[in-house]
Protein backbone atom coordinates (compact mmCIF):
# COMPACT_ATOMS: atom_id res chain seq x y z
CA MET A 1 0.02 -0.13 0.10
CA GLN A 2 1.16 3.43 -1.14
CA LYS A 3 2.12 6.00 2.11
CA MET A 4 0.67 8.88 3.00
CA ILE A 5 3.14 11.92 3.05
CA ILE A 6 2.02 14.22 5.66
CA LEU A 7 4.01 17.58 6.02
CA VAL A 8 3.82 19.69 9.27
CA LEU A 9 4.85 23.27 9.22
CA CYS A 10 5.25 26.50 11.17
CA THR A 11 7.52 29.36 10.74
CA GLY A 12 10.87 28.77 11.70
CA ASN A 13 10.81 24.65 12.01
CA ILE A 14 12.06 24.53 15.63
CA CYS A 15 9.29 24.81 18.03
CA ARG A 16 5.47 23.63 16.71
CA SER A 17 6.26 22.09 13.91
CA PRO A 18 8.87 19.53 15.13
CA VAL A 19 7.01 18.51 18.14
CA ALA A 20 3.94 18.15 16.09
CA GLU A 21 6.03 15.64 13.88
CA ILE A 22 7.34 14.20 16.87
CA MET A 23 4.08 13.41 18.31
CA LEU A 24 2.62 12.08 15.03
CA GLN A 25 5.52 9.81 14.64
CA ARG A 26 5.02 8.47 17.97
CA ARG A 27 1.63 7.67 17.60
CA LEU A 28 1.65 6.40 14.62
CA ALA A 29 4.29 4.50 15.21
CA THR A 30 2.87 0.54 14.14
CA SER A 31 1.41 2.11 10.84
CA ALA A 32 3.42 1.54 7.81
CA ARG A 33 0.87 3.77 6.26
CA VAL A 34 2.40 7.30 6.79
CA ASP A 35 5.75 8.93 6.35
CA ILE A 36 5.96 12.43 8.60
CA SER A 37 8.39 15.43 8.04
CA SER A 38 7.94 19.09 8.94
CA ALA A 39 9.69 22.48 7.76
CA GLY A 40 9.30 26.24 8.05
CA THR A 41 8.28 28.49 5.94
CA HIS A 42 11.11 30.81 7.32
CA ALA A 43 13.17 28.18 8.49
CA LEU A 44 16.30 28.53 10.72
CA VAL A 45 17.64 26.18 8.47
CA GLY A 46 20.16 23.57 10.43
CA GLU A 47 19.16 24.20 13.49
CA SER A 48 18.10 21.69 16.27
CA MET A 49 14.89 21.78 18.20
CA HIS A 50 14.23 24.53 20.39
CA PRO A 51 15.45 23.25 23.78
CA GLN A 52 12.21 24.52 25.76
CA MET A 53 10.14 22.17 23.41
CA HIS A 54 12.94 19.54 24.00
CA ARG A 55 12.64 19.64 27.55
CA LEU A 56 8.52 19.07 27.34
CA LEU A 57 9.31 16.44 25.13
CA ASP A 58 10.12 12.87 27.02
CA PRO A 59 14.29 12.98 27.14
CA GLU A 60 14.78 9.83 25.95
CA TRP A 61 12.79 10.47 22.93
CA ASP A 62 15.91 10.38 20.33
CA GLU A 63 14.04 11.83 17.22
CA ALA A 64 14.44 15.12 19.02
CA SER A 65 17.95 14.78 19.52
CA ALA A 66 18.71 14.22 15.95
CA PHE A 67 16.47 17.04 14.46
CA VAL A 68 17.22 19.60 11.99
CA SER A 69 15.36 22.06 10.55
CA ARG A 70 14.45 22.91 6.85
CA GLN A 71 13.23 25.51 4.66
CA LEU A 72 9.63 24.71 3.11
CA ASP A 73 9.59 24.42 -0.98
CA GLN A 74 7.34 23.83 -3.93
CA SER A 75 8.70 20.37 -4.24
CA MET A 76 7.78 19.34 -0.64
CA VAL A 77 4.24 20.92 -1.32
CA GLU A 78 3.78 19.12 -4.34
CA ALA A 79 4.79 15.85 -2.95
CA ALA A 80 2.58 15.60 0.05
CA ASP A 81 -0.74 14.19 0.60
CA LEU A 82 -1.36 16.21 3.85
CA ILE A 83 0.29 19.23 4.88
CA ILE A 84 -0.37 20.34 8.45
CA THR A 85 0.32 24.01 9.35
CA MET A 86 0.02 25.61 12.95
CA THR A 87 -1.64 29.09 11.34
CA ARG A 88 -3.70 30.50 8.82
CA ASP A 89 -0.32 32.31 7.43
CA GLN A 90 1.38 29.51 7.18
CA ARG A 91 -1.52 28.01 5.08
CA SER A 92 -1.42 30.76 2.91
CA SER A 93 2.16 30.75 2.21
CA VAL A 94 1.57 27.14 0.81
CA VAL A 95 -1.46 27.86 -1.16
CA GLU A 96 0.99 31.04 -2.69
CA LEU A 97 3.35 28.39 -3.61
CA VAL A 98 0.86 25.89 -4.81
CA PRO A 99 -3.13 27.18 -5.06
CA LEU A 100 -4.70 23.77 -5.50
CA ALA A 101 -2.99 22.43 -2.08
CA LEU A 102 -5.40 24.27 -0.43
CA ARG A 103 -7.61 21.01 -0.60
CA LYS A 104 -4.93 19.15 1.51
CA THR A 105 -3.59 22.38 3.75
CA PHE A 106 -5.01 22.71 7.02
CA THR A 107 -4.14 24.33 10.21
CA LEU A 108 -3.64 21.66 13.05
CA THR A 109 -6.85 23.20 15.14
CA GLU A 110 -8.59 23.06 11.90
CA LEU A 111 -8.12 19.56 11.11
CA ALA A 112 -8.78 18.54 14.55
CA ALA A 113 -11.93 20.28 14.49
CA LEU A 114 -12.86 18.66 10.89
CA ILE A 115 -12.12 15.38 11.54
CA SER A 116 -14.14 15.30 14.96
CA HIS A 117 -17.49 16.35 13.53
CA SER A 118 -17.17 14.15 10.44
CA GLY A 119 -14.77 11.43 11.35
CA PRO A 120 -12.00 9.76 9.42
CA VAL A 121 -12.04 9.90 5.35
CA ALA A 122 -9.12 8.52 3.03
CA ASP A 123 -8.99 12.04 0.86
CA PRO A 124 -8.16 15.25 2.84
CA SER A 125 -10.19 17.08 0.06
CA GLU A 126 -13.39 15.59 1.62
CA LEU A 127 -12.63 17.02 4.83
CA ALA A 128 -11.46 20.78 2.72
CA ALA A 129 -15.37 20.76 1.79
CA GLY A 130 -16.28 21.09 5.14
CA ARG A 131 -14.86 23.98 5.94
CA PRO A 132 -17.91 26.60 5.43
CA TYR A 133 -19.55 24.38 8.58
CA LEU A 134 -16.55 25.10 10.94
CA THR A 135 -17.83 27.13 13.85
CA LEU A 136 -14.21 27.53 14.51
CA GLU A 137 -12.98 30.91 13.06
CA GLY A 138 -10.04 33.91 13.66
CA ASP A 139 -7.26 33.17 16.20
CA ASP A 140 -9.35 29.72 17.11
CA LEU A 141 -7.36 28.46 14.04
CA ASP A 142 -4.10 29.19 15.01
CA ILE A 143 -1.70 27.84 17.49
CA PRO A 144 0.68 30.62 18.87
CA ASP A 145 4.72 30.86 18.35
CA PRO A 146 6.39 30.55 21.90
CA TYR A 147 9.69 31.39 20.06
CA ARG A 148 11.05 34.13 22.89
CA LYS A 149 8.36 33.71 24.95
CA ASN A 150 8.27 32.44 28.77
CA THR A 151 8.14 28.95 29.93
CA ALA A 152 4.13 29.11 30.29
CA THR A 153 3.47 29.66 26.81
CA PHE A 154 5.97 26.82 25.73
CA ARG A 155 3.70 24.86 27.73
CA LYS A 156 0.29 26.22 26.62
CA THR A 157 1.48 25.75 23.40
CA PHE A 158 3.00 21.79 23.71
CA ALA A 159 -0.51 21.39 25.24
CA SER A 160 -2.51 22.47 22.16
CA ILE A 161 0.26 20.28 19.81
CA SER A 162 -0.54 17.11 22.09
CA ASP A 163 -4.71 17.61 22.05
CA ALA A 164 -5.17 18.27 18.55
CA VAL A 165 -2.36 15.41 17.60
CA ASP A 166 -4.93 13.22 20.07
CA THR A 167 -7.68 14.23 17.83
CA ILE A 168 -6.20 13.14 14.37
CA ALA A 169 -3.88 10.44 15.38
CA ALA A 170 -5.92 7.33 15.18
CA PRO A 171 -7.93 8.29 12.16
CA LEU A 172 -4.66 8.73 10.45
CA SER A 173 -3.46 5.39 11.42
CA GLY A 174 -6.24 3.72 9.74
CA GLU A 175 -7.54 2.51 13.33
CA ALA A 176 -10.73 3.77 12.81
CA ALA A 177 -11.26 3.39 8.87
CA GLY A 178 -14.01 0.53 9.56
CA ALA A 179 -15.84 2.62 11.43
CA ALA A 180 -15.72 5.55 9.11
CA SER A 181 -17.13 3.62 6.23
CA GLY A 182 -20.07 3.13 7.92
CA ARG A 183 -20.51 6.44 10.14
CA ARG A 184 -22.65 9.49 8.52
CA ARG A 185 -20.90 12.77 8.69
CA ALA A 186 -22.38 15.52 11.17
CA VAL A 187 -20.35 17.94 8.83
CA PRO A 188 -22.50 18.41 5.35
CA VAL A 189 -20.31 18.50 2.73
CA LEU A 190 -20.36 20.76 -0.26
CA ASP A 191 -20.92 17.88 -2.78
CA HIS A 192 -22.97 20.34 -5.30
CA LEU A 193 -22.38 23.78 -5.93
CA THR A 194 -24.97 26.37 -7.33
CA VAL A 195 -22.65 28.90 -9.96
CA LEU A 196 -24.19 32.10 -10.76
CA GLU A 197 -22.78 32.79 -14.25
CA SER A 198 -22.28 36.93 -15.11
CA PHE A 199 -24.17 36.15 -18.80
CA PRO A 200 -27.94 36.27 -19.20
CA GLU A 201 -29.72 33.78 -20.75
CA PRO A 202 -27.92 33.29 -24.26
CA ARG A 203 -29.67 34.93 -27.63
CA PRO A 204 -28.94 34.30 -31.15
CA THR A 205 -26.47 36.87 -31.04
CA THR A 206 -24.45 35.50 -27.97
CA ASN A 207 -20.44 34.45 -28.23
CA PRO A 208 -20.46 31.06 -29.04
CA TYR A 209 -17.75 30.54 -26.00
CA ILE A 210 -20.14 31.50 -23.91
CA VAL A 211 -23.27 29.35 -25.24
CA MET A 212 -20.64 26.15 -25.35
CA LEU A 213 -19.39 26.54 -21.85
CA GLY A 214 -22.96 26.85 -20.39
CA ARG A 215 -23.63 23.38 -22.03
CA ALA A 216 -20.60 21.94 -20.57
CA LEU A 217 -20.97 23.47 -17.20
CA HIS A 218 -24.98 22.46 -17.33
CA GLU A 219 -23.74 18.88 -18.21
CA THR A 220 -20.78 18.52 -15.46
CA PRO A 221 -22.46 16.66 -12.35
CA GLY A 222 -22.45 18.65 -8.97
CA LEU A 223 -23.26 21.60 -10.62
CA THR A 224 -26.18 23.75 -10.86
CA VAL A 225 -25.36 26.65 -13.41
CA GLU A 226 -28.14 30.30 -13.10
CA THR A 227 -27.78 32.75 -16.08
CA PHE A 228 -27.54 36.27 -14.63
CA ALA A 229 -30.42 38.52 -13.55
CA TRP A 230 -29.96 41.31 -11.38
CA ARG A 231 -32.64 39.71 -9.58
CA LYS A 232 -30.95 36.50 -9.03
CA ALA A 233 -27.67 38.43 -7.95
CA LEU A 234 -29.29 40.23 -5.31
CA ARG A 235 -31.73 37.93 -3.78
CA ASP A 236 -30.98 34.54 -4.93
CA ASP A 237 -28.70 31.74 -3.04
CA TYR A 238 -26.00 30.44 -5.10
CA ASP A 239 -22.25 29.15 -3.91
CA VAL A 240 -20.20 31.16 -6.82
CA PHE A 241 -20.25 34.25 -8.91
CA HIS A 242 -18.70 33.78 -12.25
CA VAL A 243 -17.38 36.70 -14.42
CA HIS A 244 -16.30 36.86 -17.56
CA TRP A 245 -16.13 41.08 -18.93
CA PRO A 246 -17.11 42.47 -15.53
CA GLU A 247 -17.56 45.73 -17.56
CA ILE A 248 -20.80 45.01 -18.98
CA LEU A 249 -22.32 44.81 -15.31
CA VAL A 250 -21.46 48.73 -15.08
CA SER A 251 -22.15 49.83 -18.43
CA GLY A 252 -25.34 51.19 -19.89
CA GLU A 253 -27.17 52.43 -23.22
CA SER A 254 -27.89 55.75 -21.37
CA ARG A 255 -26.84 57.84 -18.61
CA LEU A 256 -29.75 56.27 -16.47
CA LYS A 257 -29.22 52.76 -16.81
CA LYS A 258 -25.53 53.24 -16.42
CA ARG A 259 -26.00 54.64 -12.97
CA VAL A 260 -28.63 52.00 -12.12
CA ARG A 261 -26.46 49.28 -12.72
CA GLN A 262 -23.40 50.50 -11.07
CA ALA A 263 -25.72 51.37 -7.64
CA LEU A 264 -26.87 47.64 -8.53
CA PHE A 265 -22.81 46.39 -8.95
CA ALA A 266 -21.84 48.16 -5.77
CA MET A 267 -24.84 46.60 -4.02
CA LEU A 268 -23.99 42.72 -5.31
CA LEU A 269 -20.12 43.27 -4.44
CA HIS A 270 -21.12 44.47 -0.92
CA ARG A 271 -23.65 40.73 -0.37
CA LEU A 272 -20.69 38.92 -1.89
CA ARG A 273 -18.45 40.19 0.82
CA ARG A 274 -21.10 39.99 3.26
CA ARG A 275 -22.21 35.95 2.47
CA ARG A 276 -18.76 35.31 1.51
CA VAL A 277 -19.33 34.02 -2.04
CA PRO A 278 -16.28 33.91 -4.00
CA ILE A 279 -15.63 35.85 -6.97
CA VAL A 280 -13.98 33.54 -10.28
CA ARG A 281 -13.07 35.60 -12.79
CA THR A 282 -11.98 34.25 -16.56
CA MET A 283 -9.57 36.23 -17.71
CA HIS A 284 -11.02 37.37 -21.21
CA ASN A 285 -8.82 40.63 -21.01
CA LEU A 286 -5.73 41.63 -19.01
CA GLU A 287 -6.45 45.38 -18.69
CA LEU A 288 -9.46 47.74 -17.58
CA PRO A 289 -11.30 48.51 -21.15
CA THR A 290 -9.90 52.14 -22.24
CA GLY A 291 -12.43 55.06 -22.06
CA ILE A 292 -14.25 54.14 -18.79
CA SER A 293 -15.73 56.73 -16.07
CA ARG A 294 -13.81 57.21 -12.75
CA ARG A 295 -16.48 55.56 -10.84
CA GLU A 296 -16.49 52.19 -13.16
CA THR A 297 -12.98 51.77 -12.71
CA ARG A 298 -13.36 52.24 -9.25
CA LEU A 299 -15.90 49.45 -8.92
CA LEU A 300 -13.83 47.26 -11.29
CA GLN A 301 -11.01 47.55 -9.34
CA ARG A 302 -13.33 46.89 -6.31
CA ALA A 303 -14.38 43.76 -7.79
CA ASP A 304 -10.95 42.69 -8.65
CA ARG A 305 -10.09 43.02 -5.33
CA GLN A 306 -12.69 40.52 -4.33
CA THR A 307 -11.81 38.08 -6.62
CA VAL A 308 -10.29 34.86 -5.29
CA LEU A 309 -9.68 32.78 -8.31
CA GLY A 310 -8.55 33.69 -11.76
CA ILE A 311 -9.02 31.50 -14.90
CA ALA A 312 -6.61 31.49 -17.73
CA ILE A 313 -7.98 30.73 -20.69
CA ASN A 314 -4.35 29.91 -22.34
CA ASP A 315 -0.75 28.68 -21.08
CA THR A 316 0.45 32.62 -21.06
CA THR A 317 -1.96 34.56 -19.07
CA PRO A 318 -0.22 36.21 -16.55
CA ILE A 319 -2.17 36.20 -13.09
CA GLN A 320 -2.08 38.47 -10.34
CA PRO A 321 0.78 37.55 -7.48
CA GLY A 322 -0.59 35.88 -4.39
CA ARG A 323 -4.12 35.35 -6.28
CA ALA A 324 -5.35 31.61 -7.11
CA SER A 325 -5.60 30.58 -10.61
CA ALA A 326 -6.34 27.77 -13.11
CA THR A 327 -5.74 27.01 -16.24
CA ILE A 328 -8.59 26.18 -18.66
CA LEU A 329 -8.00 26.41 -22.41
CA HIS A 330 -10.52 28.18 -24.59
CA GLY A 331 -11.99 25.43 -26.47
CA HIS A 332 -12.69 25.42 -29.92
CA TYR A 333 -15.81 25.67 -32.12
CA ARG A 334 -15.53 22.37 -34.72
CA ASP A 335 -19.35 21.55 -32.75
CA TRP A 336 -20.48 25.11 -33.58
CA TYR A 337 -20.60 25.78 -37.22
CA SER A 338 -23.11 23.58 -39.76
CA PRO A 339 -20.88 21.73 -42.01
CA ASP A 340 -23.75 22.66 -44.75
CA SER A 341 -22.63 26.57 -44.63
CA LEU A 342 -18.70 25.30 -45.24
CA HIS A 343 -16.79 25.76 -48.97
CA ASP A 344 -13.40 25.15 -50.29
CA PRO A 345 -10.85 27.75 -49.81
CA GLU A 346 -10.92 30.35 -52.93
CA PRO A 347 -7.01 30.67 -53.52
CA GLY A 348 -5.69 34.16 -53.12
CA ARG A 349 -8.50 35.22 -50.76
CA ILE A 350 -7.66 36.93 -47.61
CA ALA A 351 -10.31 37.42 -44.84
CA PHE A 352 -11.33 39.40 -41.80
CA PHE A 353 -14.09 38.58 -39.77
CA GLY A 354 -16.08 40.02 -36.42
CA LEU A 355 -16.78 43.33 -34.64
CA VAL A 356 -14.63 45.61 -36.52
CA ARG A 357 -13.06 48.18 -33.75
CA GLN A 358 -10.29 50.27 -33.77
CA TYR A 359 -7.69 48.15 -31.84
CA LYS A 360 -8.46 45.36 -34.26
CA GLY A 361 -6.47 47.32 -37.11
CA VAL A 362 -8.63 46.78 -40.20
CA ASP A 363 -7.27 49.96 -41.59
CA SER A 364 -3.63 48.81 -41.40
CA LEU A 365 -4.51 45.40 -43.15
CA ILE A 366 -6.24 47.59 -45.76
CA ARG A 367 -3.26 49.46 -46.41
CA ALA A 368 -1.00 46.10 -45.98
CA PHE A 369 -3.38 44.82 -48.35
CA ARG A 370 -2.91 47.78 -51.17
CA GLU A 371 0.57 47.47 -51.29
CA ILE A 372 0.26 44.01 -52.83
CA ASN A 373 0.82 44.31 -56.46
CA ARG A 374 -1.85 43.26 -58.76
CA SER A 375 0.63 40.59 -60.09
CA HIS A 376 -0.41 38.63 -57.46
CA ASP A 377 -3.86 37.09 -57.84
CA VAL A 378 -5.37 38.01 -54.30
CA SER A 379 -8.29 39.64 -53.03
CA LEU A 380 -9.35 40.68 -49.37
CA ALA A 381 -13.02 40.11 -47.91
CA VAL A 382 -14.09 42.12 -44.37
CA ALA A 383 -17.05 41.36 -42.81
CA GLY A 384 -18.65 42.31 -39.43
CA LYS A 385 -20.06 44.82 -37.55
CA PRO A 386 -18.68 48.46 -37.12
CA SER A 387 -17.85 50.04 -33.37
CA SER A 388 -19.08 53.16 -35.41
CA ALA A 389 -20.13 54.96 -38.10
CA GLU A 390 -17.20 57.15 -38.05
CA LEU A 391 -14.93 54.12 -38.31
CA ALA A 392 -17.16 52.66 -40.90
CA SER A 393 -16.96 55.70 -43.24
CA SER A 394 -12.81 55.78 -42.60
CA LEU A 395 -12.38 52.00 -43.86
CA ARG A 396 -14.40 52.52 -46.82
CA THR A 397 -12.30 55.53 -47.83
CA LEU A 398 -9.17 53.41 -47.31
CA ALA A 399 -10.53 50.95 -49.31
CA ALA A 400 -12.15 53.21 -52.53
CA GLY A 401 -10.57 52.63 -55.75
CA ASP A 402 -9.41 49.21 -55.22
CA ASP A 403 -11.81 46.59 -56.79
CA ARG A 404 -9.93 43.68 -55.12
CA ILE A 405 -11.76 44.89 -51.45
CA ASP A 406 -14.77 43.89 -50.40
CA LEU A 407 -16.12 45.06 -47.33
CA ARG A 408 -19.52 44.02 -46.07
CA PHE A 409 -20.54 45.98 -42.66
CA GLY A 410 -23.05 44.51 -40.33
CA PHE A 411 -23.97 41.75 -38.09
CA LEU A 412 -22.72 38.30 -39.69
CA SER A 413 -25.16 35.45 -38.42
CA ASP A 414 -23.08 31.75 -37.43
CA ASP A 415 -23.73 30.64 -41.23
CA ASP A 416 -22.76 33.79 -42.84
CA LEU A 417 -19.30 33.52 -40.60
CA ALA A 418 -18.63 30.22 -41.81
CA ASP A 419 -19.21 30.73 -44.94
CA HIS A 420 -16.97 34.07 -45.10
CA VAL A 421 -14.61 31.98 -43.11
CA SER A 422 -13.98 28.63 -45.30
CA ARG A 423 -13.87 30.70 -48.29
CA ALA A 424 -10.64 32.15 -47.35
CA GLU A 425 -7.17 30.78 -47.95
CA LEU A 426 -5.77 33.15 -45.33
CA VAL A 427 -7.49 34.92 -42.24
CA VAL A 428 -5.48 37.83 -41.06
CA LEU A 429 -6.16 39.61 -37.64
CA PRO A 430 -4.29 42.39 -36.99
CA TYR A 431 -5.26 43.09 -33.59
CA ARG A 432 -2.87 46.00 -32.06
CA GLU A 433 -3.83 43.78 -28.79
CA MET A 434 -4.12 40.49 -28.85
CA HIS A 435 -4.21 37.91 -25.61
CA ASN A 436 -7.04 35.79 -25.84
CA SER A 437 -8.76 35.90 -29.46
CA GLY A 438 -11.83 34.10 -30.07
CA GLY A 439 -11.56 34.97 -33.74
CA VAL A 440 -8.26 33.02 -34.18
CA LEU A 441 -9.74 29.65 -32.77
CA THR A 442 -12.84 30.24 -35.15
CA ALA A 443 -10.91 30.42 -37.71
CA LEU A 444 -8.36 27.52 -36.52
CA SER A 445 -12.07 25.87 -35.92
CA LEU A 446 -12.98 26.15 -39.59
CA ASP A 447 -9.32 24.59 -40.87
CA ARG A 448 -8.48 28.24 -41.93
CA PRO A 449 -4.71 29.49 -41.10
CA VAL A 450 -4.15 32.29 -39.57
CA LEU A 451 -1.70 35.40 -39.71
CA VAL A 452 -1.45 37.32 -36.45
CA PRO A 453 1.21 39.48 -34.57
CA ALA A 454 4.02 37.74 -33.13
CA ASN A 455 3.65 37.83 -29.53
CA HIS A 456 4.55 34.92 -26.64
CA THR A 457 0.75 33.71 -26.67
CA ASN A 458 0.73 33.27 -30.83
CA THR A 459 4.01 31.15 -30.31
CA VAL A 460 2.75 29.36 -27.97
CA LEU A 461 -0.63 28.68 -29.83
CA ALA A 462 1.59 28.03 -32.88
CA ASP A 463 3.52 25.35 -30.95
CA GLU A 464 0.12 23.73 -29.93
CA VAL A 465 -1.84 23.36 -32.87
CA GLY A 466 1.14 23.29 -35.69
CA HIS A 467 3.22 26.16 -37.26
CA ARG A 468 1.47 26.01 -40.83
CA TRP A 469 -1.68 27.45 -38.95
CA VAL A 470 -0.39 30.08 -36.98
CA GLN A 471 1.51 32.47 -39.38
CA THR A 472 3.02 35.83 -37.50
CA TYR A 473 4.43 39.37 -38.50
CA ASP A 474 6.55 41.51 -36.19
CA GLY A 475 5.81 45.06 -36.10
CA GLU A 476 3.84 47.00 -38.49
CA LEU A 477 1.62 44.60 -40.98
CA SER A 478 2.79 44.92 -44.66
CA GLY A 479 1.64 43.28 -48.00
CA ASP A 480 4.81 41.38 -47.60
CA ASP A 481 4.10 39.69 -44.50
CA ILE A 482 0.49 38.59 -46.37
CA THR A 483 2.17 37.29 -49.52
CA ARG A 484 4.87 35.29 -47.28
CA ALA A 485 1.88 33.70 -45.50
CA ILE A 486 0.44 32.59 -48.36
CA GLU A 487 3.20 31.00 -49.68
CA ALA A 488 3.98 29.91 -46.10
CA VAL A 489 0.69 28.02 -46.16
CA ARG A 490 0.76 26.46 -49.43
CA LYS A 491 3.80 24.79 -49.01
CA VAL A 492 2.65 22.33 -46.10
CA ASP A 493 0.25 20.21 -46.74
CA GLU A 494 -1.87 19.54 -43.73
CA SER A 495 -5.58 19.18 -43.36
CA SER A 496 -6.38 20.33 -39.82
CA PRO A 497 -4.87 22.20 -36.86
CA ASN A 498 -4.14 19.89 -33.42
CA MET A 499 -7.34 20.79 -31.12
CA SER A 500 -7.05 18.14 -29.35
CA ARG A 501 -6.27 19.94 -25.99
CA ARG A 502 -9.73 22.59 -26.76
CA ASP A 503 -12.00 19.80 -26.21
CA TRP A 504 -14.79 21.04 -24.35
CA SER A 505 -15.84 17.52 -22.65
CA HIS A 506 -12.80 18.89 -20.59
CA ALA A 507 -14.05 22.17 -19.80
CA GLY A 508 -16.77 21.35 -17.74
CA VAL A 509 -14.94 19.23 -15.19
CA ALA A 510 -11.95 21.70 -14.94
CA HIS A 511 -14.23 24.45 -14.04
CA ALA A 512 -15.89 22.42 -11.09
CA GLU A 513 -12.70 21.88 -9.69
CA ALA A 514 -11.97 25.79 -9.82
CA PHE A 515 -15.17 26.40 -8.24
CA ARG A 516 -14.76 24.33 -5.49
CA LEU A 517 -11.02 25.36 -5.03
CA ALA A 518 -12.26 29.00 -4.71
CA VAL A 519 -15.08 28.10 -1.74
CA ASP A 520 -12.63 26.33 -0.14
CA LEU A 521 -10.08 29.74 -0.45
CA MET A 522 -13.00 31.66 0.51
CA HIS A 523 -13.55 29.94 3.53
CA ALA A 524 -10.30 28.96 4.62
């Protein structure tokens, strides 16, 4: 039988954690199931056990004489099956090293309370699910550090450790395993979570990512998913608030509507904090939107401070230091578009699609395309809804006089989009800011190569799906960049990009794990 690895932590690894380690070793001496060691978050590396603690232990215990302190590192956290700390701050240090370790990390008094109420369990994460129901809070969860204190403090700390170890030793040894299997837990476990999403009930124009994520979550056991309405957000019970684009919740078409939404959002943030409901945010964008008011900025910054866990949708998303995170790759769209809407690519056809906004660089695309000599048999098709009439007018002016350019401004249905993209030999998306692009994944899902700005995110994507499918350029887009990309695509004969890591069947389960971690973090 594989051993359970138990890691005991305190600050210096000379007072509390060595005593707990040695007590556990003695109480579990007959068990071959456990391997126990200790370390410090700020260890006095190489030091012996503190003399005061040594004297409180049985002087004949050789373990105390041979003890040497050591520093905690990430590999210890990853290797351990159960981590026992003396304080909440030390537990936080573990989570900073490995956020997912929270479900196996407990303060000693917290672990004793959970075991005494729920009985022994084989998996520490089952105990973690009982955290929201603990009556202990604040300093009750900590065992104070006696270092440089008087003898009475050392004795009190020693007694607290001894009492807690007595509570957890038998369950950890397996002596109570038989009783545990038939014993009903007194602490309820959050086997089922209700998640409120920040998006409303999908409409025909809803982003396909949202629709497909909603489907994946609905199909995931243990989750109930609610779409957003202010009444639900401010009145109903739910365990997690999952946010995608928080700026939508504080904006509006009119000044009055914007003010009302901002007031409601402030009320929502207060309710979430009061009820200890964690915010989980999927990091579609890294920065706040430009052009928003100071009030919107303050509200979004407040929401960011309350965010417990960030979900990255690619491998390169930076997460705020100290914040827990999970990487759940943006799923593909292969199953979204009807095969009847797809066509063979037309040689030389270059396409742009999607909402036409200033930062997406359509003006640069038109200028670069016009640099291409007419001896090249190429055409440019731009389709999508402009963000303003002024932008549409300026793009028409840029394209005027070149009959190779076709501008079709307006909303694209799914069938129209699939038709437009599948006819292209190359999709060019010259965004001035590009981190997470649903447009890139849409083109790849329709088996069309893309030309995008060179950055770390796109380099990693090319490594993932194949370099034929993700062509890149440096600096300002030029006509040479476009013709070079077309030539590169034609040289390699591959039928489709590798998008196996982006299957939606993985997304629901991964989100459920992230939501459970956020609940644990909130209540820890």
